[in-house]
Amino acid sequence: TAHNRKDDDMRLILMLAVFVVGFLQPFQAGANATVAKALDSRFQAGWINGLVNVVLLSSLLLCIGLFGGRSSQAGGSTVEAIRTIPWWAFLAGAIGASIVVVQLTAAPKLGAALLVAIFVGGTALGSLACDRFGLAGYERVSIPWERVVGMTLVVVGITLVARPWASGD
């Protein structure tokens, strides 16, 4: 049906968007590390990353609010709505800042491939935990054996990228 086709198209667009931002992630880590090196401070570099984030999102929200005419897309949040957010949801900002600072510190020492391999491993394991236990607003999802095998392959992949038996390139 047309509705299912629309849902399938949106799912495909979202998968492509996730792939693109995933592809850009090592570039972000490298760029942040470059800023940290120039400033000689990973925390100032993290702050600059956050500042750009705030400026871009604020501009986007302003444009959507002014030109989009759809206040629900721009947020339109009130103080009352913000008060309904669970306390733990605000940890997302702290997690984001931690990711930026850890990546910009680790990127020059680990290299892009190892950084991202380990990051993907952590992301995959965290995702399985969120699905299995219904954490962070996700619905509970059973973890079939195929996912366990997939996680095992992720660990094998990290090991191959890290090559602990090699003395370094």
Protein backbone atom coordinates (compact mmCIF):
# COMPACT_ATOMS: atom_id res chain seq x y z
CA THR A 1 0.00 0.00 0.00
CA ALA A 2 0.95 3.66 -0.36
CA HIS A 3 1.32 4.09 3.40
CA ASN A 4 3.78 1.22 3.72
CA ARG A 5 5.74 2.54 0.74
CA LYS A 6 5.99 5.95 2.42
CA ASP A 7 7.19 4.31 5.64
CA ASP A 8 9.73 2.23 3.71
CA ASP A 9 10.99 5.34 1.91
CA MET A 10 11.37 7.20 5.19
CA ARG A 11 13.19 4.25 6.74
CA LEU A 12 15.58 4.16 3.78
CA ILE A 13 16.20 7.92 4.03
CA LEU A 14 16.89 7.61 7.74
CA MET A 15 19.27 4.69 7.18
CA LEU A 16 21.14 6.73 4.58
CA ALA A 17 21.31 9.72 6.94
CA VAL A 18 22.71 7.50 9.72
CA PHE A 19 25.28 6.10 7.30
CA VAL A 20 26.34 9.59 6.22
CA VAL A 21 26.76 10.92 9.78
CA GLY A 22 28.56 7.70 10.69
CA PHE A 23 30.88 8.26 7.73
CA LEU A 24 31.50 11.83 8.93
CA GLN A 25 32.17 10.81 12.56
CA PRO A 26 35.93 10.17 12.13
CA PHE A 27 36.21 13.52 10.33
CA GLN A 28 34.57 15.19 13.33
CA ALA A 29 36.96 13.48 15.75
CA GLY A 30 39.97 14.48 13.64
CA ALA A 31 38.77 18.07 13.24
CA ASN A 32 38.14 18.34 16.98
CA ALA A 33 41.62 16.96 17.68
CA THR A 34 43.08 19.54 15.30
CA VAL A 35 41.30 22.31 17.21
CA ALA A 36 42.55 20.86 20.52
CA LYS A 37 46.12 20.81 19.22
CA ALA A 38 45.89 24.40 17.99
CA LEU A 39 44.45 25.60 21.31
CA ASP A 40 46.48 23.18 23.44
CA SER A 41 43.27 22.36 25.30
CA ARG A 42 40.85 19.52 24.65
CA PHE A 43 38.22 21.17 26.84
CA GLN A 44 38.34 24.43 24.89
CA ALA A 45 38.10 22.38 21.70
CA GLY A 46 35.08 20.58 23.11
CA TRP A 47 33.57 23.95 24.01
CA ILE A 48 34.06 25.21 20.44
CA ASN A 49 32.39 22.04 19.15
CA GLY A 50 29.45 22.67 21.48
CA LEU A 51 29.28 26.35 20.53
CA VAL A 52 29.04 25.51 16.84
CA ASN A 53 26.35 22.95 17.70
CA VAL A 54 24.33 25.55 19.64
CA VAL A 55 24.70 28.20 16.92
CA LEU A 56 23.66 25.79 14.15
CA LEU A 57 20.70 24.33 16.01
CA SER A 58 19.56 27.75 17.24
CA SER A 59 19.70 29.08 13.68
CA LEU A 60 17.80 26.06 12.40
CA LEU A 61 15.11 26.44 15.05
CA LEU A 62 14.82 30.15 14.27
CA CYS A 63 14.48 29.49 10.52
CA ILE A 64 11.90 26.76 11.05
CA GLY A 65 9.96 29.00 13.42
CA LEU A 66 10.08 32.02 11.11
CA PHE A 67 9.68 30.40 7.73
CA GLY A 68 8.29 26.94 8.33
CA GLY A 69 5.13 27.97 10.07
CA ARG A 70 5.13 24.67 11.93
CA SER A 71 5.88 25.41 15.55
CA SER A 72 5.72 21.72 16.46
CA GLN A 73 8.76 21.09 14.24
CA ALA A 74 10.62 24.02 15.80
CA GLY A 75 9.92 22.73 19.26
CA GLY A 76 7.65 25.39 20.66
CA SER A 77 8.48 23.96 24.07
CA THR A 78 7.23 25.67 27.12
CA VAL A 79 8.71 25.61 30.58
CA GLU A 80 5.93 23.22 31.56
CA ALA A 81 6.83 20.81 28.75
CA ILE A 82 10.50 20.94 29.73
CA ARG A 83 9.54 20.02 33.29
CA THR A 84 8.05 16.75 32.01
CA ILE A 85 11.41 15.56 30.69
CA PRO A 86 12.85 12.81 32.93
CA TRP A 87 16.02 13.86 34.79
CA TRP A 88 18.10 11.19 33.09
CA ALA A 89 17.27 12.51 29.60
CA PHE A 90 19.39 15.58 30.31
CA LEU A 91 22.41 13.28 30.58
CA ALA A 92 22.41 13.17 26.76
CA GLY A 93 24.22 16.50 26.71
CA ALA A 94 26.86 15.23 29.14
CA ILE A 95 27.26 12.06 27.10
CA GLY A 96 27.68 14.13 23.93
CA ALA A 97 30.33 16.32 25.58
CA SER A 98 32.12 13.21 26.86
CA ILE A 99 32.12 11.65 23.40
CA VAL A 100 33.62 14.81 21.90
CA VAL A 101 36.36 15.16 24.53
CA VAL A 102 37.30 11.47 24.56
CA GLN A 103 37.36 11.25 20.77
CA LEU A 104 39.40 14.40 20.26
CA THR A 105 41.88 13.13 22.86
CA ALA A 106 42.05 9.60 21.44
CA ALA A 107 41.92 10.36 17.70
CA PRO A 108 45.56 11.39 17.25
CA LYS A 109 46.81 8.50 19.40
CA LEU A 110 44.62 5.67 18.06
CA GLY A 111 44.01 6.72 14.48
CA ALA A 112 40.63 6.92 12.80
CA ALA A 113 40.11 3.20 12.12
CA LEU A 114 40.80 1.98 15.65
CA LEU A 115 38.94 4.91 17.21
CA VAL A 116 35.84 4.20 15.17
CA ALA A 117 36.09 0.41 15.52
CA ILE A 118 36.15 0.67 19.31
CA PHE A 119 33.45 3.35 19.25
CA VAL A 120 31.22 1.14 17.09
CA GLY A 121 31.82 -1.78 19.46
CA GLY A 122 30.79 0.32 22.45
CA THR A 123 27.83 1.69 20.54
CA ALA A 124 26.71 -1.80 19.49
CA LEU A 125 26.95 -3.18 23.03
CA GLY A 126 25.18 -0.15 24.49
CA SER A 127 22.48 -0.53 21.84
CA LEU A 128 21.93 -4.17 22.75
CA ALA A 129 21.63 -3.17 26.43
CA CYS A 130 19.11 -0.43 25.57
CA ASP A 131 17.06 -2.85 23.47
CA ARG A 132 17.21 -5.76 25.92
CA PHE A 133 16.35 -3.78 29.05
CA GLY A 134 14.27 -0.97 27.55
CA LEU A 135 16.72 1.73 28.68
CA ALA A 136 16.74 5.42 27.75
CA GLY A 137 13.21 5.41 26.34
CA TYR A 138 13.61 2.45 23.99
CA GLU A 139 11.05 -0.33 23.88
CA ARG A 140 12.24 -3.71 25.16
CA VAL A 141 13.43 -5.91 22.31
CA SER A 142 14.52 -9.51 22.61
CA ILE A 143 18.08 -10.31 21.62
CA PRO A 144 18.04 -13.35 19.31
CA TRP A 145 21.13 -15.45 18.70
CA GLU A 146 21.80 -13.65 15.40
CA ARG A 147 22.42 -10.41 17.27
CA VAL A 148 24.75 -12.16 19.68
CA VAL A 149 26.68 -13.55 16.70
CA GLY A 150 26.71 -10.06 15.18
CA MET A 151 28.16 -8.63 18.40
CA THR A 152 30.79 -11.36 18.42
CA LEU A 153 31.75 -10.38 14.86
CA VAL A 154 32.03 -6.74 15.98
CA VAL A 155 34.48 -7.82 18.72
CA VAL A 156 36.44 -9.88 16.17
CA GLY A 157 36.52 -6.84 13.89
CA ILE A 158 37.83 -4.59 16.66
CA THR A 159 40.52 -7.15 17.44
CA LEU A 160 41.57 -7.30 13.80
CA VAL A 161 41.70 -3.51 13.54
CA ALA A 162 43.63 -3.20 16.82
CA ARG A 163 45.96 -6.08 15.89
CA PRO A 164 47.39 -6.47 19.38
CA TRP A 165 49.98 -8.88 18.02
CA ALA A 166 51.45 -6.16 15.75
CA SER A 167 54.06 -3.77 17.10
CA GLY A 168 52.54 -0.85 15.21
CA ASP A 169 52.75 0.57 11.72
